[in-house]
Protein backbone atom coordinates (compact mmCIF):
# COMPACT_ATOMS: atom_id res chain seq x y z
CA UNK A 1 0.26 0.22 0.10
CA UNK A 2 1.39 3.58 -1.41
CA UNK A 3 2.05 6.52 1.60
CA UNK A 4 1.10 9.52 1.16
CA UNK A 5 2.77 12.35 3.36
CA UNK A 6 1.66 15.90 3.24
CA UNK A 7 2.81 19.11 5.48
CA UNK A 8 0.77 21.34 5.98
CA UNK A 9 2.23 25.17 7.00
CA UNK A 10 0.07 27.24 9.48
CA UNK A 11 -0.05 31.05 9.62
CA UNK A 12 -1.57 32.69 12.11
CA UNK A 13 -2.05 36.70 11.36
CA UNK A 14 -0.14 39.30 13.92
CA UNK A 15 -3.28 40.90 14.44
CA UNK A 16 -5.35 37.58 15.16
CA UNK A 17 -4.10 37.63 19.30
CA UNK A 18 -5.42 41.55 19.34
CA UNK A 19 -8.47 40.41 18.21
CA UNK A 20 -9.36 38.01 20.63
CA UNK A 21 -8.27 40.06 23.48
CA UNK A 22 -10.86 42.73 22.37
CA UNK A 23 -13.14 40.76 21.65
CA UNK A 24 -13.35 39.15 25.61
CA UNK A 25 -12.52 43.00 27.21
CA UNK A 26 -15.48 44.64 24.92
CA UNK A 27 -17.52 41.53 26.12
CA UNK A 28 -16.32 41.98 30.05
CA UNK A 29 -16.47 45.50 29.93
CA UNK A 30 -20.18 46.03 28.62
CA UNK A 31 -20.99 42.35 30.94
CA UNK A 32 -22.28 40.32 27.34
CA UNK A 33 -20.66 37.17 26.58
CA UNK A 34 -18.46 36.84 23.47
CA UNK A 35 -20.01 34.88 20.74
CA UNK A 36 -16.86 32.15 20.16
CA UNK A 37 -18.92 30.87 16.86
CA UNK A 38 -18.45 33.95 15.40
CA UNK A 39 -15.13 35.10 16.45
CA UNK A 40 -13.70 31.62 15.04
CA UNK A 41 -15.22 31.78 12.01
CA UNK A 42 -13.34 35.33 11.48
CA UNK A 43 -10.52 34.49 12.42
CA UNK A 44 -10.54 31.13 10.32
CA UNK A 45 -11.52 33.05 6.80
CA UNK A 46 -9.29 36.24 7.67
CA UNK A 47 -6.60 35.15 10.15
CA UNK A 48 -5.75 31.20 8.90
CA UNK A 49 -3.26 30.65 5.99
CA UNK A 50 -2.94 27.57 5.14
CA UNK A 51 -0.14 26.40 2.53
CA UNK A 52 1.17 23.23 1.61
CA UNK A 53 4.39 22.30 1.31
CA UNK A 54 6.64 20.02 -0.52
CA UNK A 55 8.97 17.58 0.64
């Protein structure tokens, strides 16, 4: 049986940590609960880049 190896490089944008902290801070200041699904969806679409690497 053949074996396949796939390497993926995951890059997180520099602003993701600041964005998450700002969302949490805003929620705490206003007595709200952050919408984790909405935040995660935004970060995955705009702040995470996948790159398939040869070798």
